[in-house]
Amino acid sequence: MKDSARSRAGSVLERQRLAFWFWLAISASFVLAALFHAHAAVTHSLPVWRHVLFAAINLSVAWGCWRRPRWFIGVFGLLLLQQLYSHSLDLAGAWPERTDWNSVVVLLGMPLVALALWRARTT
């Protein structure tokens, strides 16, 4: 009986540790995206305001993914829709001359983060 309780406790700790590292990596990826947009705001001819806006959004999302308040899934869902629309157009516009890898990462990663946020919300 004691071994079973220890096993469950160890399993819970292992899941908590895995969740910590998972959300740390997700939050860090949004911080990196914010740095990308900050760099783009300084070096590219694209609208500076848009890069500044998305740098701020990405930092906010990094915080949201780290803290995971229950209401955040709704805000993230709106961003997800915008990102799927925008990066789908970017990917289609670049194809077949090149692969827009930023868009590929966003189109594959954002839905996975949304799913993880949904699961974290319901536990």
PDB file of N, CA and C in Angstrom:
ATOM      1  N   MET A   1       0.814  -1.184   0.000  1.00  0.00           N
ATOM      2  CA  MET A   1       0.000   0.000   0.000  1.00  0.00           C
ATOM      3  C   MET A   1       0.865   1.258   0.000  1.00  0.00           C
ATOM      4  N   LYS A   2       1.919   1.259   0.798  1.00  0.00           N
ATOM      5  CA  LYS A   2       2.793   2.414   0.867  1.00  0.00           C
ATOM      6  C   LYS A   2       3.507   2.646  -0.461  1.00  0.00           C
ATOM      7  N   ASP A   3       3.919   1.565  -1.104  1.00  0.00           N
ATOM      8  CA  ASP A   3       4.600   1.694  -2.387  1.00  0.00           C
ATOM      9  C   ASP A   3       3.677   2.296  -3.437  1.00  0.00           C
ATOM     10  N   SER A   4       2.412   1.949  -3.401  1.00  0.00           N
ATOM     11  CA  SER A   4       1.442   2.493  -4.344  1.00  0.00           C
ATOM     12  C   SER A   4       1.269   3.993  -4.141  1.00  0.00           C
ATOM     13  N   ALA A   5       1.198   4.419  -2.902  1.00  0.00           N
ATOM     14  CA  ALA A   5       1.056   5.854  -2.597  1.00  0.00           C
ATOM     15  C   ALA A   5       2.304   6.612  -3.030  1.00  0.00           C
ATOM     16  N   ARG A   6       3.473   6.032  -2.790  1.00  0.00           N
ATOM     17  CA  ARG A   6       4.725   6.661  -3.231  1.00  0.00           C
ATOM     18  C   ARG A   6       4.784   6.750  -4.743  1.00  0.00           C
ATOM     19  N   SER A   7       4.336   5.708  -5.401  1.00  0.00           N
ATOM     20  CA  SER A   7       4.340   5.698  -6.862  1.00  0.00           C
ATOM     21  C   SER A   7       3.445   6.799  -7.421  1.00  0.00           C
ATOM     22  N   ARG A   8       2.254   6.953  -6.825  1.00  0.00           N
ATOM     23  CA  ARG A   8       1.343   8.016  -7.267  1.00  0.00           C
ATOM     24  C   ARG A   8       1.946   9.390  -7.001  1.00  0.00           C
ATOM     25  N   ALA A   9       2.548   9.563  -5.835  1.00  0.00           N
ATOM     26  CA  ALA A   9       3.163  10.843  -5.487  1.00  0.00           C
ATOM     27  C   ALA A   9       4.315  11.149  -6.434  1.00  0.00           C
ATOM     28  N   GLY A  10       5.107  10.139  -6.735  1.00  0.00           N
ATOM     29  CA  GLY A  10       6.211  10.323  -7.682  1.00  0.00           C
ATOM     30  C   GLY A  10       5.700  10.663  -9.060  1.00  0.00           C
ATOM     31  N   SER A  11       4.610  10.039  -9.459  1.00  0.00           N
ATOM     32  CA  SER A  11       4.013  10.303 -10.761  1.00  0.00           C
ATOM     33  C   SER A  11       3.498  11.740 -10.848  1.00  0.00           C
ATOM     34  N   VAL A  12       2.879  12.209  -9.763  1.00  0.00           N
ATOM     35  CA  VAL A  12       2.375  13.583  -9.725  1.00  0.00           C
ATOM     36  C   VAL A  12       3.531  14.567  -9.823  1.00  0.00           C
ATOM     37  N   LEU A  13       4.588  14.316  -9.069  1.00  0.00           N
ATOM     38  CA  LEU A  13       5.758  15.198  -9.120  1.00  0.00           C
ATOM     39  C   LEU A  13       6.388  15.200 -10.510  1.00  0.00           C
ATOM     40  N   GLU A  14       6.443  14.035 -11.124  1.00  0.00           N
ATOM     41  CA  GLU A  14       7.004  13.941 -12.469  1.00  0.00           C
ATOM     42  C   GLU A  14       6.169  14.738 -13.471  1.00  0.00           C
ATOM     43  N   ARG A  15       4.844  14.644 -13.362  1.00  0.00           N
ATOM     44  CA  ARG A  15       3.966  15.418 -14.257  1.00  0.00           C
ATOM     45  C   ARG A  15       4.112  16.910 -14.012  1.00  0.00           C
ATOM     46  N   GLN A  16       4.230  17.306 -12.749  1.00  0.00           N
ATOM     47  CA  GLN A  16       4.412  18.721 -12.431  1.00  0.00           C
ATOM     48  C   GLN A  16       5.735  19.240 -12.982  1.00  0.00           C
ATOM     49  N   ARG A  17       6.771  18.440 -12.866  1.00  0.00           N
ATOM     50  CA  ARG A  17       8.084  18.827 -13.390  1.00  0.00           C
ATOM     51  C   ARG A  17       8.041  18.935 -14.910  1.00  0.00           C
ATOM     52  N   LEU A  18       7.395  17.991 -15.557  1.00  0.00           N
ATOM     53  CA  LEU A  18       7.257  18.031 -17.013  1.00  0.00           C
ATOM     54  C   LEU A  18       6.443  19.246 -17.448  1.00  0.00           C
ATOM     55  N   ALA A  19       5.361  19.534 -16.725  1.00  0.00           N
ATOM     56  CA  ALA A  19       4.536  20.707 -17.040  1.00  0.00           C
ATOM     57  C   ALA A  19       5.347  21.991 -16.865  1.00  0.00           C
ATOM     58  N   PHE A  20       6.145  22.056 -15.821  1.00  0.00           N
ATOM     59  CA  PHE A  20       6.985  23.235 -15.613  1.00  0.00           C
ATOM     60  C   PHE A  20       7.890  23.488 -16.812  1.00  0.00           C
ATOM     61  N   TRP A  21       8.601  22.456 -17.244  1.00  0.00           N
ATOM     62  CA  TRP A  21       9.539  22.623 -18.362  1.00  0.00           C
ATOM     63  C   TRP A  21       8.805  22.878 -19.679  1.00  0.00           C
ATOM     64  N   PHE A  22       7.656  22.244 -19.877  1.00  0.00           N
ATOM     65  CA  PHE A  22       6.865  22.470 -21.082  1.00  0.00           C
ATOM     66  C   PHE A  22       6.440  23.933 -21.172  1.00  0.00           C
ATOM     67  N   TRP A  23       5.838  24.460 -20.094  1.00  0.00           N
ATOM     68  CA  TRP A  23       5.355  25.842 -20.129  1.00  0.00           C
ATOM     69  C   TRP A  23       6.501  26.840 -20.129  1.00  0.00           C
ATOM     70  N   LEU A  24       7.631  26.480 -19.553  1.00  0.00           N
ATOM     71  CA  LEU A  24       8.809  27.338 -19.638  1.00  0.00           C
ATOM     72  C   LEU A  24       9.270  27.447 -21.091  1.00  0.00           C
ATOM     73  N   ALA A  25       9.313  26.325 -21.796  1.00  0.00           N
ATOM     74  CA  ALA A  25       9.728  26.336 -23.199  1.00  0.00           C
ATOM     75  C   ALA A  25       8.735  27.111 -24.068  1.00  0.00           C
ATOM     76  N   ILE A  26       7.448  26.931 -23.824  1.00  0.00           N
ATOM     77  CA  ILE A  26       6.430  27.651 -24.594  1.00  0.00           C
ATOM     78  C   ILE A  26       6.553  29.151 -24.340  1.00  0.00           C
ATOM     79  N   SER A  27       6.655  29.541 -23.078  1.00  0.00           N
ATOM     80  CA  SER A  27       6.778  30.958 -22.738  1.00  0.00           C
ATOM     81  C   SER A  27       8.053  31.547 -23.345  1.00  0.00           C
ATOM     82  N   ALA A  28       9.134  30.805 -23.268  1.00  0.00           N
ATOM     83  CA  ALA A  28      10.399  31.277 -23.853  1.00  0.00           C
ATOM     84  C   ALA A  28      10.278  31.442 -25.362  1.00  0.00           C
ATOM     85  N   SER A  29       9.526  30.571 -26.020  1.00  0.00           N
ATOM     86  CA  SER A  29       9.370  30.700 -27.480  1.00  0.00           C
ATOM     87  C   SER A  29       8.626  31.993 -27.829  1.00  0.00           C
ATOM     88  N   PHE A  30       7.667  32.393 -26.998  1.00  0.00           N
ATOM     89  CA  PHE A  30       6.972  33.654 -27.253  1.00  0.00           C
ATOM     90  C   PHE A  30       7.876  34.855 -26.941  1.00  0.00           C
ATOM     91  N   VAL A  31       8.755  34.724 -25.964  1.00  0.00           N
ATOM     92  CA  VAL A  31       9.738  35.788 -25.714  1.00  0.00           C
ATOM     93  C   VAL A  31      10.666  35.909 -26.924  1.00  0.00           C
ATOM     94  N   LEU A  32      11.089  34.787 -27.478  1.00  0.00           N
ATOM     95  CA  LEU A  32      11.932  34.819 -28.686  1.00  0.00           C
ATOM     96  C   LEU A  32      11.183  35.455 -29.861  1.00  0.00           C
ATOM     97  N   ALA A  33       9.896  35.152 -29.986  1.00  0.00           N
ATOM     98  CA  ALA A  33       9.097  35.778 -31.046  1.00  0.00           C
ATOM     99  C   ALA A  33       9.022  37.286 -30.829  1.00  0.00           C
ATOM    100  N   ALA A  34       8.913  37.717 -29.583  1.00  0.00           N
ATOM    101  CA  ALA A  34       8.902  39.154 -29.282  1.00  0.00           C
ATOM    102  C   ALA A  34      10.233  39.789 -29.682  1.00  0.00           C
ATOM    103  N   LEU A  35      11.337  39.105 -29.405  1.00  0.00           N
ATOM    104  CA  LEU A  35      12.653  39.615 -29.806  1.00  0.00           C
ATOM    105  C   LEU A  35      12.776  39.672 -31.321  1.00  0.00           C
ATOM    106  N   PHE A  36      12.233  38.674 -32.020  1.00  0.00           N
ATOM    107  CA  PHE A  36      12.223  38.695 -33.485  1.00  0.00           C
ATOM    108  C   PHE A  36      11.505  39.940 -33.988  1.00  0.00           C
ATOM    109  N   HIS A  37      10.324  40.227 -33.427  1.00  0.00           N
ATOM    110  CA  HIS A  37       9.557  41.390 -33.872  1.00  0.00           C
ATOM    111  C   HIS A  37      10.251  42.699 -33.486  1.00  0.00           C
ATOM    112  N   ALA A  38      10.890  42.734 -32.330  1.00  0.00           N
ATOM    113  CA  ALA A  38      11.633  43.940 -31.944  1.00  0.00           C
ATOM    114  C   ALA A  38      12.791  44.178 -32.902  1.00  0.00           C
ATOM    115  N   HIS A  39      13.485  43.118 -33.259  1.00  0.00           N
ATOM    116  CA  HIS A  39      14.583  43.229 -34.229  1.00  0.00           C
ATOM    117  C   HIS A  39      14.052  43.663 -35.589  1.00  0.00           C
ATOM    118  N   ALA A  40      12.942  43.083 -36.006  1.00  0.00           N
ATOM    119  CA  ALA A  40      12.348  43.437 -37.303  1.00  0.00           C
ATOM    120  C   ALA A  40      11.888  44.892 -37.320  1.00  0.00           C
ATOM    121  N   ALA A  41      11.415  45.387 -36.192  1.00  0.00           N
ATOM    122  CA  ALA A  41      10.970  46.781 -36.124  1.00  0.00           C
ATOM    123  C   ALA A  41      12.135  47.735 -36.382  1.00  0.00           C
ATOM    124  N   VAL A  42      13.328  47.327 -35.986  1.00  0.00           N
ATOM    125  CA  VAL A  42      14.506  48.180 -36.149  1.00  0.00           C
ATOM    126  C   VAL A  42      15.140  48.020 -37.530  1.00  0.00           C
ATOM    127  N   THR A  43      15.064  46.824 -38.101  1.00  0.00           N
ATOM    128  CA  THR A  43      15.854  46.553 -39.311  1.00  0.00           C
ATOM    129  C   THR A  43      15.065  46.428 -40.607  1.00  0.00           C
ATOM    130  N   HIS A  44      13.756  46.220 -40.547  1.00  0.00           N
ATOM    131  CA  HIS A  44      12.988  45.995 -41.769  1.00  0.00           C
ATOM    132  C   HIS A  44      12.192  47.225 -42.172  1.00  0.00           C
ATOM    133  N   SER A  45      11.813  47.251 -43.451  1.00  0.00           N
ATOM    134  CA  SER A  45      11.024  48.378 -43.949  1.00  0.00           C
ATOM    135  C   SER A  45       9.522  48.162 -43.778  1.00  0.00           C
ATOM    136  N   LEU A  46       9.134  47.003 -43.270  1.00  0.00           N
ATOM    137  CA  LEU A  46       7.719  46.745 -43.026  1.00  0.00           C
ATOM    138  C   LEU A  46       7.194  47.699 -41.958  1.00  0.00           C
ATOM    139  N   PRO A  47       5.912  47.829 -41.798  1.00  0.00           N
ATOM    140  CA  PRO A  47       5.402  48.781 -40.801  1.00  0.00           C
ATOM    141  C   PRO A  47       5.974  48.514 -39.408  1.00  0.00           C
ATOM    142  N   VAL A  48       6.672  49.507 -38.892  1.00  0.00           N
ATOM    143  CA  VAL A  48       7.291  49.383 -37.578  1.00  0.00           C
ATOM    144  C   VAL A  48       6.223  49.166 -36.512  1.00  0.00           C
ATOM    145  N   TRP A  49       5.096  49.868 -36.612  1.00  0.00           N
ATOM    146  CA  TRP A  49       4.051  49.769 -35.592  1.00  0.00           C
ATOM    147  C   TRP A  49       3.556  48.337 -35.439  1.00  0.00           C
ATOM    148  N   ARG A  50       3.505  47.603 -36.571  1.00  0.00           N
ATOM    149  CA  ARG A  50       3.002  46.221 -36.516  1.00  0.00           C
ATOM    150  C   ARG A  50       3.963  45.314 -35.748  1.00  0.00           C
ATOM    151  N   HIS A  51       5.269  45.510 -35.980  1.00  0.00           N
ATOM    152  CA  HIS A  51       6.261  44.703 -35.256  1.00  0.00           C
ATOM    153  C   HIS A  51       6.286  45.054 -33.772  1.00  0.00           C
ATOM    154  N   VAL A  52       6.151  46.340 -33.460  1.00  0.00           N
ATOM    155  CA  VAL A  52       6.106  46.752 -32.053  1.00  0.00           C
ATOM    156  C   VAL A  52       4.869  46.151 -31.383  1.00  0.00           C
ATOM    157  N   LEU A  53       3.740  46.212 -32.075  1.00  0.00           N
ATOM    158  CA  LEU A  53       2.506  45.632 -31.539  1.00  0.00           C
ATOM    159  C   LEU A  53       2.672  44.143 -31.262  1.00  0.00           C
ATOM    160  N   PHE A  54       3.235  43.407 -32.230  1.00  0.00           N
ATOM    161  CA  PHE A  54       3.374  41.965 -32.031  1.00  0.00           C
ATOM    162  C   PHE A  54       4.468  41.617 -31.030  1.00  0.00           C
ATOM    163  N   ALA A  55       5.450  42.479 -30.846  1.00  0.00           N
ATOM    164  CA  ALA A  55       6.418  42.260 -29.769  1.00  0.00           C
ATOM    165  C   ALA A  55       5.700  42.329 -28.428  1.00  0.00           C
ATOM    166  N   ALA A  56       4.830  43.326 -28.270  1.00  0.00           N
ATOM    167  CA  ALA A  56       4.068  43.460 -27.027  1.00  0.00           C
ATOM    168  C   ALA A  56       3.090  42.293 -26.850  1.00  0.00           C
ATOM    169  N   ILE A  57       2.431  41.900 -27.930  1.00  0.00           N
ATOM    170  CA  ILE A  57       1.493  40.770 -27.862  1.00  0.00           C
ATOM    171  C   ILE A  57       2.228  39.498 -27.458  1.00  0.00           C
ATOM    172  N   ASN A  58       3.378  39.247 -28.066  1.00  0.00           N
ATOM    173  CA  ASN A  58       4.124  38.029 -27.758  1.00  0.00           C
ATOM    174  C   ASN A  58       4.609  38.010 -26.315  1.00  0.00           C
ATOM    175  N   LEU A  59       5.010  39.165 -25.783  1.00  0.00           N
ATOM    176  CA  LEU A  59       5.402  39.205 -24.370  1.00  0.00           C
ATOM    177  C   LEU A  59       4.192  38.937 -23.470  1.00  0.00           C
ATOM    178  N   SER A  60       3.041  39.473 -23.861  1.00  0.00           N
ATOM    179  CA  SER A  60       1.815  39.221 -23.091  1.00  0.00           C
ATOM    180  C   SER A  60       1.434  37.747 -23.144  1.00  0.00           C
ATOM    181  N   VAL A  61       1.584  37.137 -24.299  1.00  0.00           N
ATOM    182  CA  VAL A  61       1.263  35.712 -24.447  1.00  0.00           C
ATOM    183  C   VAL A  61       2.253  34.859 -23.653  1.00  0.00           C
ATOM    184  N   ALA A  62       3.506  35.262 -23.630  1.00  0.00           N
ATOM    185  CA  ALA A  62       4.494  34.540 -22.817  1.00  0.00           C
ATOM    186  C   ALA A  62       4.055  34.535 -21.357  1.00  0.00           C
ATOM    187  N   TRP A  63       3.616  35.700 -20.861  1.00  0.00           N
ATOM    188  CA  TRP A  63       3.111  35.783 -19.488  1.00  0.00           C
ATOM    189  C   TRP A  63       1.879  34.888 -19.322  1.00  0.00           C
ATOM    190  N   GLY A  64       0.946  34.964 -20.285  1.00  0.00           N
ATOM    191  CA  GLY A  64      -0.283  34.183 -20.203  1.00  0.00           C
ATOM    192  C   GLY A  64      -0.023  32.685 -20.197  1.00  0.00           C
ATOM    193  N   CYS A  65       0.921  32.256 -21.005  1.00  0.00           N
ATOM    194  CA  CYS A  65       1.251  30.827 -21.040  1.00  0.00           C
ATOM    195  C   CYS A  65       1.945  30.394 -19.755  1.00  0.00           C
ATOM    196  N   TRP A  66       2.717  31.267 -19.167  1.00  0.00           N
ATOM    197  CA  TRP A  66       3.398  30.916 -17.924  1.00  0.00           C
ATOM    198  C   TRP A  66       2.411  30.854 -16.763  1.00  0.00           C
ATOM    199  N   ARG A  67       1.528  31.852 -16.665  1.00  0.00           N
ATOM    200  CA  ARG A  67       0.593  31.924 -15.548  1.00  0.00           C
ATOM    201  C   ARG A  67      -0.693  31.113 -15.783  1.00  0.00           C
ATOM    202  N   ARG A  68      -1.129  31.031 -17.022  1.00  0.00           N
ATOM    203  CA  ARG A  68      -2.313  30.283 -17.439  1.00  0.00           C
ATOM    204  C   ARG A  68      -3.576  30.598 -16.640  1.00  0.00           C
ATOM    205  N   PRO A  69      -3.969  31.881 -16.588  1.00  0.00           N
ATOM    206  CA  PRO A  69      -5.261  32.175 -15.950  1.00  0.00           C
ATOM    207  C   PRO A  69      -6.385  31.561 -16.785  1.00  0.00           C
ATOM    208  N   ARG A  70      -7.484  31.224 -16.146  1.00  0.00           N
ATOM    209  CA  ARG A  70      -8.575  30.517 -16.840  1.00  0.00           C
ATOM    210  C   ARG A  70      -9.112  31.295 -18.038  1.00  0.00           C
ATOM    211  N   TRP A  71      -9.146  32.615 -17.968  1.00  0.00           N
ATOM    212  CA  TRP A  71      -9.690  33.435 -19.043  1.00  0.00           C
ATOM    213  C   TRP A  71      -8.752  33.535 -20.242  1.00  0.00           C
ATOM    214  N   PHE A  72      -7.503  33.153 -20.080  1.00  0.00           N
ATOM    215  CA  PHE A  72      -6.502  33.367 -21.127  1.00  0.00           C
ATOM    216  C   PHE A  72      -6.785  32.560 -22.388  1.00  0.00           C
ATOM    217  N   ILE A  73      -7.421  31.409 -22.276  1.00  0.00           N
ATOM    218  CA  ILE A  73      -7.700  30.591 -23.452  1.00  0.00           C
ATOM    219  C   ILE A  73      -8.547  31.356 -24.472  1.00  0.00           C
ATOM    220  N   GLY A  74      -9.472  32.192 -24.006  1.00  0.00           N
ATOM    221  CA  GLY A  74     -10.289  32.985 -24.923  1.00  0.00           C
ATOM    222  C   GLY A  74      -9.468  34.016 -25.675  1.00  0.00           C
ATOM    223  N   VAL A  75      -8.587  34.702 -24.967  1.00  0.00           N
ATOM    224  CA  VAL A  75      -7.707  35.694 -25.596  1.00  0.00           C
ATOM    225  C   VAL A  75      -6.768  34.998 -26.571  1.00  0.00           C
ATOM    226  N   PHE A  76      -6.217  33.875 -26.140  1.00  0.00           N
ATOM    227  CA  PHE A  76      -5.311  33.132 -27.011  1.00  0.00           C
ATOM    228  C   PHE A  76      -6.044  32.624 -28.252  1.00  0.00           C
ATOM    229  N   GLY A  77      -7.302  32.223 -28.088  1.00  0.00           N
ATOM    230  CA  GLY A  77      -8.092  31.761 -29.228  1.00  0.00           C
ATOM    231  C   GLY A  77      -8.255  32.833 -30.289  1.00  0.00           C
ATOM    232  N   LEU A  78      -8.462  34.080 -29.868  1.00  0.00           N
ATOM    233  CA  LEU A  78      -8.550  35.181 -30.835  1.00  0.00           C
ATOM    234  C   LEU A  78      -7.231  35.374 -31.566  1.00  0.00           C
ATOM    235  N   LEU A  79      -6.127  35.337 -30.823  1.00  0.00           N
ATOM    236  CA  LEU A  79      -4.807  35.448 -31.454  1.00  0.00           C
ATOM    237  C   LEU A  79      -4.565  34.273 -32.393  1.00  0.00           C
ATOM    238  N   LEU A  80      -4.980  33.084 -31.987  1.00  0.00           N
ATOM    239  CA  LEU A  80      -4.816  31.894 -32.827  1.00  0.00           C
ATOM    240  C   LEU A  80      -5.508  32.086 -34.179  1.00  0.00           C
ATOM    241  N   LEU A  81      -6.741  32.562 -34.161  1.00  0.00           N
ATOM    242  CA  LEU A  81      -7.467  32.786 -35.420  1.00  0.00           C
ATOM    243  C   LEU A  81      -6.735  33.786 -36.309  1.00  0.00           C
ATOM    244  N   GLN A  82      -6.271  34.888 -35.719  1.00  0.00           N
ATOM    245  CA  GLN A  82      -5.555  35.901 -36.497  1.00  0.00           C
ATOM    246  C   GLN A  82      -4.267  35.324 -37.072  1.00  0.00           C
ATOM    247  N   GLN A  83      -3.532  34.576 -36.273  1.00  0.00           N
ATOM    248  CA  GLN A  83      -2.264  34.012 -36.728  1.00  0.00           C
ATOM    249  C   GLN A  83      -2.461  32.947 -37.803  1.00  0.00           C
ATOM    250  N   LEU A  84      -3.485  32.118 -37.656  1.00  0.00           N
ATOM    251  CA  LEU A  84      -3.762  31.114 -38.687  1.00  0.00           C
ATOM    252  C   LEU A  84      -4.097  31.783 -40.010  1.00  0.00           C
ATOM    253  N   TYR A  85      -4.905  32.825 -39.974  1.00  0.00           N
ATOM    254  CA  TYR A  85      -5.267  33.564 -41.190  1.00  0.00           C
ATOM    255  C   TYR A  85      -4.034  34.218 -41.813  1.00  0.00           C
ATOM    256  N   SER A  86      -3.311  34.985 -41.010  1.00  0.00           N
ATOM    257  CA  SER A  86      -2.178  35.759 -41.518  1.00  0.00           C
ATOM    258  C   SER A  86      -1.056  34.856 -42.036  1.00  0.00           C
ATOM    259  N   HIS A  87      -0.677  33.865 -41.255  1.00  0.00           N
ATOM    260  CA  HIS A  87       0.444  33.011 -41.664  1.00  0.00           C
ATOM    261  C   HIS A  87       0.058  32.026 -42.762  1.00  0.00           C
ATOM    262  N   SER A  88      -1.213  31.683 -42.876  1.00  0.00           N
ATOM    263  CA  SER A  88      -1.651  30.872 -44.027  1.00  0.00           C
ATOM    264  C   SER A  88      -1.456  31.653 -45.314  1.00  0.00           C
ATOM    265  N   LEU A  89      -1.822  32.934 -45.285  1.00  0.00           N
ATOM    266  CA  LEU A  89      -1.618  33.783 -46.458  1.00  0.00           C
ATOM    267  C   LEU A  89      -0.133  33.942 -46.771  1.00  0.00           C
ATOM    268  N   ASP A  90       0.681  34.138 -45.735  1.00  0.00           N
ATOM    269  CA  ASP A  90       2.130  34.278 -45.935  1.00  0.00           C
ATOM    270  C   ASP A  90       2.722  33.011 -46.552  1.00  0.00           C
ATOM    271  N   LEU A  91       2.319  31.864 -46.026  1.00  0.00           N
ATOM    272  CA  LEU A  91       2.849  30.595 -46.530  1.00  0.00           C
ATOM    273  C   LEU A  91       2.421  30.363 -47.966  1.00  0.00           C
ATOM    274  N   ALA A  92       1.150  30.618 -48.269  1.00  0.00           N
ATOM    275  CA  ALA A  92       0.649  30.437 -49.634  1.00  0.00           C
ATOM    276  C   ALA A  92       1.316  31.416 -50.592  1.00  0.00           C
ATOM    277  N   GLY A  93       1.560  32.636 -50.140  1.00  0.00           N
ATOM    278  CA  GLY A  93       2.198  33.631 -50.995  1.00  0.00           C
ATOM    279  C   GLY A  93       3.648  33.307 -51.302  1.00  0.00           C
ATOM    280  N   ALA A  94       4.321  32.651 -50.392  1.00  0.00           N
ATOM    281  CA  ALA A  94       5.733  32.314 -50.590  1.00  0.00           C
ATOM    282  C   ALA A  94       5.922  31.058 -51.442  1.00  0.00           C
ATOM    283  N   TRP A  95       4.939  30.186 -51.387  1.00  0.00           N
ATOM    284  CA  TRP A  95       5.017  28.903 -52.082  1.00  0.00           C
ATOM    285  C   TRP A  95       4.841  29.103 -53.571  1.00  0.00           C
ATOM    286  N   PRO A  96       5.486  28.427 -54.484  1.00  0.00           N
ATOM    287  CA  PRO A  96       6.483  27.368 -54.322  1.00  0.00           C
ATOM    288  C   PRO A  96       7.919  27.877 -54.383  1.00  0.00           C
ATOM    289  N   GLU A  97       8.113  29.187 -54.484  1.00  0.00           N
ATOM    290  CA  GLU A  97       9.472  29.723 -54.583  1.00  0.00           C
ATOM    291  C   GLU A  97      10.310  29.427 -53.345  1.00  0.00           C
ATOM    292  N   ARG A  98       9.661  29.507 -52.202  1.00  0.00           N
ATOM    293  CA  ARG A  98      10.382  29.238 -50.948  1.00  0.00           C
ATOM    294  C   ARG A  98       9.393  28.743 -49.903  1.00  0.00           C
ATOM    295  N   THR A  99       9.930  28.195 -48.856  1.00  0.00           N
ATOM    296  CA  THR A  99       9.109  27.776 -47.728  1.00  0.00           C
ATOM    297  C   THR A  99       9.254  28.831 -46.633  1.00  0.00           C
ATOM    298  N   ASP A 100       8.150  29.393 -46.210  1.00  0.00           N
ATOM    299  CA  ASP A 100       8.145  30.374 -45.132  1.00  0.00           C
ATOM    300  C   ASP A 100       8.134  29.616 -43.810  1.00  0.00           C
ATOM    301  N   TRP A 101       9.319  29.346 -43.275  1.00  0.00           N
ATOM    302  CA  TRP A 101       9.443  28.506 -42.094  1.00  0.00           C
ATOM    303  C   TRP A 101       8.839  29.146 -40.851  1.00  0.00           C
ATOM    304  N   ASN A 102       8.883  30.483 -40.770  1.00  0.00           N
ATOM    305  CA  ASN A 102       8.218  31.140 -39.639  1.00  0.00           C
ATOM    306  C   ASN A 102       6.738  30.786 -39.625  1.00  0.00           C
ATOM    307  N   SER A 103       6.114  30.825 -40.800  1.00  0.00           N
ATOM    308  CA  SER A 103       4.690  30.500 -40.890  1.00  0.00           C
ATOM    309  C   SER A 103       4.423  29.034 -40.596  1.00  0.00           C
ATOM    310  N   VAL A 104       5.291  28.163 -41.049  1.00  0.00           N
ATOM    311  CA  VAL A 104       5.122  26.730 -40.770  1.00  0.00           C
ATOM    312  C   VAL A 104       5.141  26.491 -39.257  1.00  0.00           C
ATOM    313  N   VAL A 105       6.094  27.113 -38.573  1.00  0.00           N
ATOM    314  CA  VAL A 105       6.189  26.946 -37.116  1.00  0.00           C
ATOM    315  C   VAL A 105       4.931  27.482 -36.433  1.00  0.00           C
ATOM    316  N   VAL A 106       4.469  28.657 -36.861  1.00  0.00           N
ATOM    317  CA  VAL A 106       3.272  29.250 -36.257  1.00  0.00           C
ATOM    318  C   VAL A 106       2.048  28.375 -36.533  1.00  0.00           C
ATOM    319  N   LEU A 107       1.892  27.931 -37.775  1.00  0.00           N
ATOM    320  CA  LEU A 107       0.707  27.150 -38.147  1.00  0.00           C
ATOM    321  C   LEU A 107       0.666  25.785 -37.467  1.00  0.00           C
ATOM    322  N   LEU A 108       1.816  25.225 -37.158  1.00  0.00           N
ATOM    323  CA  LEU A 108       1.846  23.943 -36.446  1.00  0.00           C
ATOM    324  C   LEU A 108       1.852  24.131 -34.930  1.00  0.00           C
ATOM    325  N   GLY A 109       2.548  25.143 -34.455  1.00  0.00           N
ATOM    326  CA  GLY A 109       2.734  25.316 -33.025  1.00  0.00           C
ATOM    327  C   GLY A 109       1.572  25.950 -32.291  1.00  0.00           C
ATOM    328  N   MET A 110       0.972  26.969 -32.878  1.00  0.00           N
ATOM    329  CA  MET A 110      -0.097  27.692 -32.169  1.00  0.00           C
ATOM    330  C   MET A 110      -1.296  26.794 -31.823  1.00  0.00           C
ATOM    331  N   PRO A 111      -1.770  25.940 -32.741  1.00  0.00           N
ATOM    332  CA  PRO A 111      -2.870  25.048 -32.343  1.00  0.00           C
ATOM    333  C   PRO A 111      -2.482  24.088 -31.216  1.00  0.00           C
ATOM    334  N   LEU A 112      -1.233  23.641 -31.200  1.00  0.00           N
ATOM    335  CA  LEU A 112      -0.783  22.754 -30.123  1.00  0.00           C
ATOM    336  C   LEU A 112      -0.759  23.485 -28.783  1.00  0.00           C
ATOM    337  N   VAL A 113      -0.330  24.741 -28.803  1.00  0.00           N
ATOM    338  CA  VAL A 113      -0.348  25.533 -27.571  1.00  0.00           C
ATOM    339  C   VAL A 113      -1.791  25.752 -27.120  1.00  0.00           C
ATOM    340  N   ALA A 114      -2.680  26.038 -28.063  1.00  0.00           N
ATOM    341  CA  ALA A 114      -4.098  26.225 -27.718  1.00  0.00           C
ATOM    342  C   ALA A 114      -4.662  24.958 -27.067  1.00  0.00           C
ATOM    343  N   LEU A 115      -4.334  23.819 -27.620  1.00  0.00           N
ATOM    344  CA  LEU A 115      -4.800  22.556 -27.046  1.00  0.00           C
ATOM    345  C   LEU A 115      -4.242  22.358 -25.631  1.00  0.00           C
ATOM    346  N   ALA A 116      -2.966  22.662 -25.458  1.00  0.00           N
ATOM    347  CA  ALA A 116      -2.351  22.521 -24.133  1.00  0.00           C
ATOM    348  C   ALA A 116      -2.988  23.492 -23.137  1.00  0.00           C
ATOM    349  N   LEU A 117      -3.280  24.718 -23.595  1.00  0.00           N
ATOM    350  CA  LEU A 117      -3.952  25.676 -22.711  1.00  0.00           C
ATOM    351  C   LEU A 117      -5.349  25.175 -22.335  1.00  0.00           C
ATOM    352  N   TRP A 118      -6.047  24.604 -23.303  1.00  0.00           N
ATOM    353  CA  TRP A 118      -7.392  24.079 -23.016  1.00  0.00           C
ATOM    354  C   TRP A 118      -7.322  22.962 -21.980  1.00  0.00           C
ATOM    355  N   ARG A 119      -6.371  22.067 -22.168  1.00  0.00           N
ATOM    356  CA  ARG A 119      -6.208  20.957 -21.209  1.00  0.00           C
ATOM    357  C   ARG A 119      -5.816  21.467 -19.845  1.00  0.00           C
ATOM    358  N   ALA A 120      -4.946  22.478 -19.789  1.00  0.00           N
ATOM    359  CA  ALA A 120      -4.525  23.038 -18.501  1.00  0.00           C
ATOM    360  C   ALA A 120      -5.699  23.738 -17.825  1.00  0.00           C
ATOM    361  N   ARG A 121      -6.610  24.298 -18.603  1.00  0.00           N
ATOM    362  CA  ARG A 121      -7.776  24.999 -18.072  1.00  0.00           C
ATOM    363  C   ARG A 121      -8.766  24.038 -17.423  1.00  0.00           C
ATOM    364  N   THR A 122      -8.862  22.840 -17.966  1.00  0.00           N
ATOM    365  CA  THR A 122      -9.876  21.902 -17.499  1.00  0.00           C
ATOM    366  C   THR A 122      -9.348  20.970 -16.404  1.00  0.00           C
ATOM    367  N   THR A 123      -8.091  21.110 -16.023  1.00  0.00           N
ATOM    368  CA  THR A 123      -7.553  20.232 -14.956  1.00  0.00           C
ATOM    369  C   THR A 123      -7.496  20.966 -13.640  1.00  0.00           C
TER     370      THR A 123
END
